[in-house]
């Protein structure tokens, strides 16, 4: 009897040691995420939230005209770059995923989702991902989660993706994260979030091929903060469009864009300031002066900046007009 007990103990210990040996030493990013494609624009995105610092540096990967990857649980970051390289070489998402996992001793601990420029997806949730864990996918999307408080997270993420098809891709991705969090999200809580959006097609200017790249590395409410940053991004889109119209001499269209930006963020001094400078360059000195005086009250450094603009041609007014703007 004693010998049988020793044999059982030996094999139990050996199995436990083997399990520990096979468990990867990669960083943990237990989390929920979505990879998706906008069927109309072709843009692709990956969004993620986790109770882990700077989750966007590990989980989310993407390349314009190629695809996006989410690699999580025990995160093998190489899956991001290698997965994209395989898609670029012509492999399907499923072929790329199979190749990544075939030589991975820790595949039972992995959770990976790959989406390509055609909207095809492949997803893997390893048998040893911590409950609640699972995924759901279809044309143009895959949602996946592990270490969730409830088993309702993944179904609600899928429902949110389908429900908000009227929204732009970035806002739609945030809605999916919000749905996950509303179901309890990560059992450990909240810490960081990220959203990456890439263009449908690659250009000869790859530095411009990322539409959006936002990260909330450490925050009490990361998804809420990510949502705020998307709104800031949209406001600055109006600012950038306004600058474009200024370059083309279309001042009324420029002012329309600037006003749209300021309506979104009325307390943003940056937006107010450049709107006032545009007014001044358009000869509307009185209105520009009124706006600048209010800005100077908030922060006198803006007055000093106004003094420096004529030298570089960003403020083209007569000396007497400049004095009025600076009073």
Protein backbone atom coordinates (compact mmCIF):
# COMPACT_ATOMS: atom_id res chain seq x y z
CA UNK A 1 0.00 0.00 0.00
CA UNK A 2 2.84 2.35 0.87
CA UNK A 3 4.55 1.69 -2.47
CA UNK A 4 1.33 2.38 -4.38
CA UNK A 5 0.95 5.68 -2.49
CA UNK A 6 4.52 6.66 -3.38
CA UNK A 7 3.94 5.84 -7.06
CA UNK A 8 0.75 7.92 -7.10
CA UNK A 9 2.55 10.79 -5.35
CA UNK A 10 5.45 10.57 -7.83
CA UNK A 11 3.20 10.76 -10.88
CA UNK A 12 1.13 13.54 -9.34
CA UNK A 13 4.27 15.56 -8.69
CA UNK A 14 5.59 14.83 -12.19
CA UNK A 15 2.32 15.96 -13.79
CA UNK A 16 2.31 19.18 -11.75
CA UNK A 17 5.94 19.86 -12.64
CA UNK A 18 5.17 19.27 -16.31
CA UNK A 19 2.22 21.66 -16.13
CA UNK A 20 4.42 24.33 -14.59
CA UNK A 21 7.06 23.70 -17.22
CA UNK A 22 4.58 24.11 -20.06
CA UNK A 23 3.03 27.25 -18.66
CA UNK A 24 4.61 30.18 -20.54
CA UNK A 25 6.62 32.88 -18.84
CA UNK A 26 5.14 35.57 -21.08
CA UNK A 27 3.51 38.62 -19.50
CA UNK A 28 -0.10 38.31 -18.43
CA UNK A 29 -2.73 40.38 -20.20
CA UNK A 30 -5.97 38.75 -19.10
CA UNK A 31 -8.51 40.90 -20.78
CA UNK A 32 -11.36 41.46 -23.21
CA UNK A 33 -10.86 42.73 -26.75
CA UNK A 34 -12.33 43.04 -30.21
CA UNK A 35 -10.79 42.92 -33.69
CA UNK A 36 -13.05 44.26 -36.42
CA UNK A 37 -13.39 45.73 -39.90
CA UNK A 38 -15.73 48.44 -41.16
CA UNK A 39 -17.49 46.86 -44.15
CA UNK A 40 -18.03 50.25 -45.79
CA UNK A 41 -14.65 51.94 -45.36
CA UNK A 42 -12.47 48.84 -45.06
CA UNK A 43 -10.72 50.29 -42.02
CA UNK A 44 -9.65 47.72 -39.44
CA UNK A 45 -9.34 48.09 -35.68
CA UNK A 46 -8.48 46.39 -32.42
CA UNK A 47 -9.69 47.62 -29.03
CA UNK A 48 -8.86 46.22 -25.60
CA UNK A 49 -9.23 46.78 -21.84
CA UNK A 50 -7.46 45.00 -18.99
CA UNK A 51 -6.51 45.23 -15.34
CA UNK A 52 -2.90 45.41 -16.49
CA UNK A 53 -0.58 48.35 -17.06
CA UNK A 54 -0.29 49.65 -20.65
CA UNK A 55 -2.23 46.81 -22.26
CA UNK A 56 -1.98 48.45 -25.68
CA UNK A 57 1.75 47.79 -25.87
CA UNK A 58 1.20 44.03 -25.70
CA UNK A 59 -2.22 43.01 -27.04
CA UNK A 60 -3.05 45.18 -30.06
CA UNK A 61 -1.29 45.01 -33.43
CA UNK A 62 -2.26 46.21 -36.88
CA UNK A 63 -1.06 47.19 -40.34
CA UNK A 64 -2.95 49.07 -43.03
CA UNK A 65 -4.06 46.89 -45.93
CA UNK A 66 -3.06 43.74 -44.03
CA UNK A 67 -5.04 43.16 -40.84
CA UNK A 68 -5.17 43.36 -37.06
CA UNK A 69 -4.23 40.97 -34.26
CA UNK A 70 -5.15 40.69 -30.58
CA UNK A 71 -2.87 38.42 -28.53
CA UNK A 72 -3.78 38.03 -24.85
CA UNK A 73 -4.08 35.85 -21.75
CA UNK A 74 -0.43 34.72 -21.43
CA UNK A 75 0.57 37.18 -24.14
CA UNK A 76 2.96 36.07 -26.85
CA UNK A 77 3.73 39.49 -28.32
CA UNK A 78 5.53 37.92 -31.28
CA UNK A 79 2.13 36.71 -32.51
CA UNK A 80 1.33 40.31 -33.42
CA UNK A 81 4.18 40.96 -35.84
CA UNK A 82 4.46 37.37 -37.03
CA UNK A 83 0.73 37.08 -37.61
CA UNK A 84 0.69 40.27 -39.68
CA UNK A 85 3.70 39.08 -41.66
CA UNK A 86 1.92 35.83 -42.51
CA UNK A 87 -1.19 37.70 -43.67
CA UNK A 88 1.02 39.93 -45.79
CA UNK A 89 2.59 36.82 -47.33
CA UNK A 90 -0.82 35.59 -48.43
CA UNK A 91 -1.90 33.25 -45.65
CA UNK A 92 -5.50 33.32 -44.44
CA UNK A 93 -6.16 34.25 -40.78
CA UNK A 94 -6.81 30.59 -39.95
CA UNK A 95 -3.61 29.46 -41.66
CA UNK A 96 -1.64 32.14 -39.85
CA UNK A 97 -3.19 31.22 -36.50
CA UNK A 98 -2.53 27.51 -37.01
CA UNK A 99 1.08 28.23 -37.87
CA UNK A 100 1.56 30.39 -34.77
CA UNK A 101 0.07 27.77 -32.45
CA UNK A 102 1.62 24.66 -33.98
CA UNK A 103 5.05 25.40 -32.50
CA UNK A 104 3.81 27.00 -29.29
CA UNK A 105 4.12 24.90 -26.14
CA UNK A 106 1.94 27.41 -24.31
CA UNK A 107 -0.97 27.42 -26.74
CA UNK A 108 -3.35 26.09 -24.08
CA UNK A 109 -2.82 29.36 -22.20
CA UNK A 110 -3.17 31.65 -25.23
CA UNK A 111 -6.06 33.66 -26.55
CA UNK A 112 -5.55 35.08 -30.05
CA UNK A 113 -7.72 36.71 -32.71
CA UNK A 114 -6.64 37.57 -36.25
CA UNK A 115 -8.60 39.54 -38.85
CA UNK A 116 -7.46 40.31 -42.39
CA UNK A 117 -8.29 43.04 -44.91
CA UNK A 118 -11.08 40.89 -46.38
CA UNK A 119 -12.84 40.68 -43.03
CA UNK A 120 -11.97 37.01 -42.49
CA UNK A 121 -11.26 36.03 -38.89
CA UNK A 122 -9.71 33.22 -36.87
CA UNK A 123 -9.83 32.96 -33.08
CA UNK A 124 -8.30 30.65 -30.47
CA UNK A 125 -9.16 30.37 -26.78
CA UNK A 126 -6.87 27.90 -25.07
CA UNK A 127 -8.25 25.26 -22.74
CA UNK A 128 -6.25 26.70 -19.83
CA UNK A 129 -7.41 30.29 -20.20
CA UNK A 130 -8.88 31.35 -16.87
CA UNK A 131 -12.67 31.37 -16.58
CA UNK A 132 -14.80 32.98 -17.63
CA UNK A 133 -13.19 32.70 -21.05
CA UNK A 134 -14.48 32.45 -24.58
CA UNK A 135 -14.95 34.13 -27.95
CA UNK A 136 -17.49 34.77 -30.67
CA UNK A 137 -16.82 35.74 -34.27
CA UNK A 138 -18.33 36.28 -37.67
CA UNK A 139 -17.82 38.29 -40.83
CA UNK A 140 -15.69 41.36 -40.06
CA UNK A 141 -15.32 40.81 -36.29
CA UNK A 142 -14.21 38.68 -33.39
CA UNK A 143 -14.73 39.37 -29.67
CA UNK A 144 -12.75 37.45 -27.06
CA UNK A 145 -12.27 37.55 -23.31
CA UNK A 146 -10.68 35.65 -20.46
CA UNK A 147 -10.66 35.96 -16.66
CA UNK A 148 -14.06 37.67 -16.83
CA UNK A 149 -16.34 38.09 -13.84
CA UNK A 150 -19.32 36.67 -15.74
CA UNK A 151 -19.99 34.42 -18.71
CA UNK A 152 -22.24 37.13 -20.17
CA UNK A 153 -19.34 39.35 -21.25
CA UNK A 154 -18.64 37.80 -24.66
CA UNK A 155 -22.33 37.55 -25.75
CA UNK A 156 -22.88 41.20 -24.80
CA UNK A 157 -19.80 42.27 -26.73
CA UNK A 158 -21.09 40.48 -29.82
CA UNK A 159 -24.51 42.06 -29.39
CA UNK A 160 -23.00 45.54 -29.01
CA UNK A 161 -20.96 45.14 -32.21
CA UNK A 162 -24.07 44.21 -34.17
CA UNK A 163 -26.31 46.77 -32.49
CA UNK A 164 -24.14 49.81 -33.22
CA UNK A 165 -23.50 49.27 -36.94
CA UNK A 166 -24.56 52.88 -37.61
CA UNK A 167 -21.53 54.31 -35.79
CA UNK A 168 -18.05 55.08 -37.17
CA UNK A 169 -15.61 52.25 -36.48
CA UNK A 170 -13.78 53.90 -33.56
CA UNK A 171 -16.98 54.75 -31.69
CA UNK A 172 -18.39 51.32 -32.43
CA UNK A 173 -15.32 49.65 -30.91
CA UNK A 174 -15.70 51.71 -27.74
CA UNK A 175 -19.35 50.65 -27.45
CA UNK A 176 -18.20 47.02 -27.45
CA UNK A 177 -15.74 47.69 -24.61
CA UNK A 178 -18.44 49.53 -22.68
CA UNK A 179 -20.78 46.56 -23.07
CA UNK A 180 -18.12 44.21 -21.68
CA UNK A 181 -17.51 46.45 -18.70
CA UNK A 182 -21.23 46.77 -18.01
CA UNK A 183 -21.30 42.97 -17.55
CA UNK A 184 -18.54 43.09 -14.95
CA UNK A 185 -15.54 42.89 -17.28
CA UNK A 186 -12.22 41.69 -15.90
CA UNK A 187 -12.72 39.98 -12.52
CA UNK A 188 -9.78 42.00 -11.15
CA UNK A 189 -11.14 45.38 -12.20
CA UNK A 190 -9.93 48.09 -14.60
CA UNK A 191 -6.60 49.72 -15.39
CA UNK A 192 -5.73 50.33 -19.06
CA UNK A 193 -7.29 50.41 -22.51
CA UNK A 194 -6.26 50.96 -26.12
CA UNK A 195 -7.77 51.54 -29.55
CA UNK A 196 -5.90 51.14 -32.84
CA UNK A 197 -7.49 51.87 -36.24
CA UNK A 198 -5.61 51.36 -39.53
CA UNK A 199 -6.53 52.21 -43.11
CA UNK A 200 -8.08 49.75 -45.52
CA UNK A 201 -5.15 50.04 -47.91
CA UNK A 202 -1.48 50.72 -47.35
CA UNK A 203 -0.02 53.84 -48.90
CA UNK A 204 3.50 54.89 -49.83
CA UNK A 205 3.44 56.96 -46.61
CA UNK A 206 3.17 54.28 -43.90
CA UNK A 207 3.58 56.90 -41.17
CA UNK A 208 0.11 58.14 -42.15
CA UNK A 209 -1.55 54.73 -42.38
CA UNK A 210 -2.69 54.66 -38.76
CA UNK A 211 -6.01 56.45 -38.55
CA UNK A 212 -6.12 56.38 -34.77
CA UNK A 213 -3.78 55.10 -32.06
CA UNK A 214 -5.02 55.86 -28.53
CA UNK A 215 -3.76 54.40 -25.27
CA UNK A 216 -4.88 54.82 -21.69
CA UNK A 217 -2.04 53.21 -19.78
CA UNK A 218 -3.18 53.66 -16.16
CA UNK A 219 -6.61 55.01 -15.18
CA UNK A 220 -9.46 54.31 -12.77
CA UNK A 221 -11.95 54.20 -15.66
CA UNK A 222 -9.92 53.43 -18.79
CA UNK A 223 -12.82 52.74 -21.16
CA UNK A 224 -14.51 55.97 -20.12
CA UNK A 225 -11.26 57.85 -20.68
CA UNK A 226 -10.79 56.15 -24.05
CA UNK A 227 -14.25 57.31 -25.05
CA UNK A 228 -13.33 60.88 -24.09
CA UNK A 229 -10.14 60.71 -26.15
CA UNK A 230 -12.08 59.56 -29.22
CA UNK A 231 -14.27 62.66 -28.84
CA UNK A 232 -11.15 64.85 -28.55
CA UNK A 233 -9.83 63.21 -31.69
CA UNK A 234 -13.04 64.04 -33.56
CA UNK A 235 -12.81 67.67 -32.42
CA UNK A 236 -9.25 67.93 -33.71
CA UNK A 237 -10.39 66.44 -37.00
CA UNK A 238 -12.52 69.57 -37.36
CA UNK A 239 -9.50 71.71 -36.42
CA UNK A 240 -7.34 70.01 -39.03
CA UNK A 241 -10.03 70.43 -41.66
CA UNK A 242 -10.29 74.08 -40.70
CA UNK A 243 -6.54 74.49 -41.20
CA UNK A 244 -6.90 72.91 -44.63
CA UNK A 245 -9.59 75.41 -45.64
CA UNK A 246 -7.42 78.28 -44.38
CA UNK A 247 -4.63 77.11 -46.69
CA UNK A 248 -7.13 77.10 -49.57
CA UNK A 249 -8.41 80.56 -48.66
CA UNK A 250 -11.89 79.26 -47.87
CA UNK A 251 -12.31 81.22 -44.65
CA UNK A 252 -16.01 80.67 -44.05
CA UNK A 253 -15.62 76.89 -44.34
CA UNK A 254 -12.61 77.13 -42.03
CA UNK A 255 -14.64 78.99 -39.43
CA UNK A 256 -17.42 76.42 -39.68
CA UNK A 257 -14.93 73.66 -38.87
CA UNK A 258 -13.34 75.61 -36.01
CA UNK A 259 -16.75 76.38 -34.54
CA UNK A 260 -17.69 72.70 -34.71
CA UNK A 261 -14.53 71.84 -32.79
CA UNK A 262 -15.16 74.49 -30.13
CA UNK A 263 -18.74 73.32 -29.67
CA UNK A 264 -17.41 69.89 -28.81
CA UNK A 265 -14.83 71.26 -26.35
CA UNK A 266 -15.78 74.87 -25.47
CA UNK A 267 -13.16 75.15 -22.71
CA UNK A 268 -10.22 74.11 -24.87
CA UNK A 269 -7.98 77.18 -25.12
CA UNK A 270 -5.97 75.74 -28.02
CA UNK A 271 -9.05 75.53 -30.22
CA UNK A 272 -10.21 79.00 -29.17
CA UNK A 273 -6.80 80.52 -29.78
CA UNK A 274 -6.25 79.34 -33.35
CA UNK A 275 -9.81 80.24 -34.23
CA UNK A 276 -9.07 83.80 -33.03
CA UNK A 277 -5.83 83.92 -35.02
CA UNK A 278 -7.69 82.79 -38.14
CA UNK A 279 -10.24 85.55 -37.59
CA UNK A 280 -7.42 88.08 -37.29
CA UNK A 281 -5.81 86.89 -40.51
CA UNK A 282 -9.19 87.24 -42.17
CA UNK A 283 -9.39 90.89 -41.12
CA UNK A 284 -11.89 90.39 -38.31
CA UNK A 285 -9.69 92.13 -35.75
CA UNK A 286 -12.40 93.19 -33.31
CA UNK A 287 -13.84 89.69 -32.90
CA UNK A 288 -10.36 88.18 -32.70
CA UNK A 289 -9.38 90.69 -30.02
CA UNK A 290 -12.44 89.84 -27.93
CA UNK A 291 -11.61 86.14 -28.04
CA UNK A 292 -7.91 86.66 -27.32
CA UNK A 293 -8.62 88.84 -24.28
CA UNK A 294 -10.62 86.01 -22.71
CA UNK A 295 -7.86 83.54 -23.51
CA UNK A 296 -5.17 85.79 -22.01
CA UNK A 297 -7.16 85.97 -18.77
CA UNK A 298 -6.92 82.21 -18.48
CA UNK A 299 -3.22 81.99 -19.39
CA UNK A 300 -0.97 84.96 -20.22
CA UNK A 301 1.45 82.73 -22.15
CA UNK A 302 -0.92 82.85 -25.12
CA UNK A 303 -0.26 86.62 -25.39
CA UNK A 304 3.48 85.90 -25.61
CA UNK A 305 2.80 83.34 -28.33
CA UNK A 306 0.81 85.93 -30.30
CA UNK A 307 3.86 88.20 -30.30
CA UNK A 308 5.93 85.45 -31.93
CA UNK A 309 3.56 84.52 -34.75
CA UNK A 310 4.24 87.41 -37.19
CA UNK A 311 7.91 86.43 -37.43
CA UNK A 312 7.02 83.04 -38.93
CA UNK A 313 4.09 84.27 -41.03
CA UNK A 314 1.30 82.69 -39.01
CA UNK A 315 -0.16 86.07 -38.12
CA UNK A 316 -0.20 88.60 -40.96
CA UNK A 317 -1.53 91.92 -39.62
CA UNK A 318 -0.40 95.54 -39.47
CA UNK A 319 1.52 96.76 -36.42
CA UNK A 320 -1.45 98.76 -35.15
CA UNK A 321 -3.66 95.68 -35.47
CA UNK A 322 -1.10 93.57 -33.65
CA UNK A 323 -1.06 96.03 -30.77
CA UNK A 324 -4.83 95.77 -30.56
CA UNK A 325 -4.64 91.99 -30.49
CA UNK A 326 -2.07 92.15 -27.71
CA UNK A 327 -3.71 94.80 -25.49
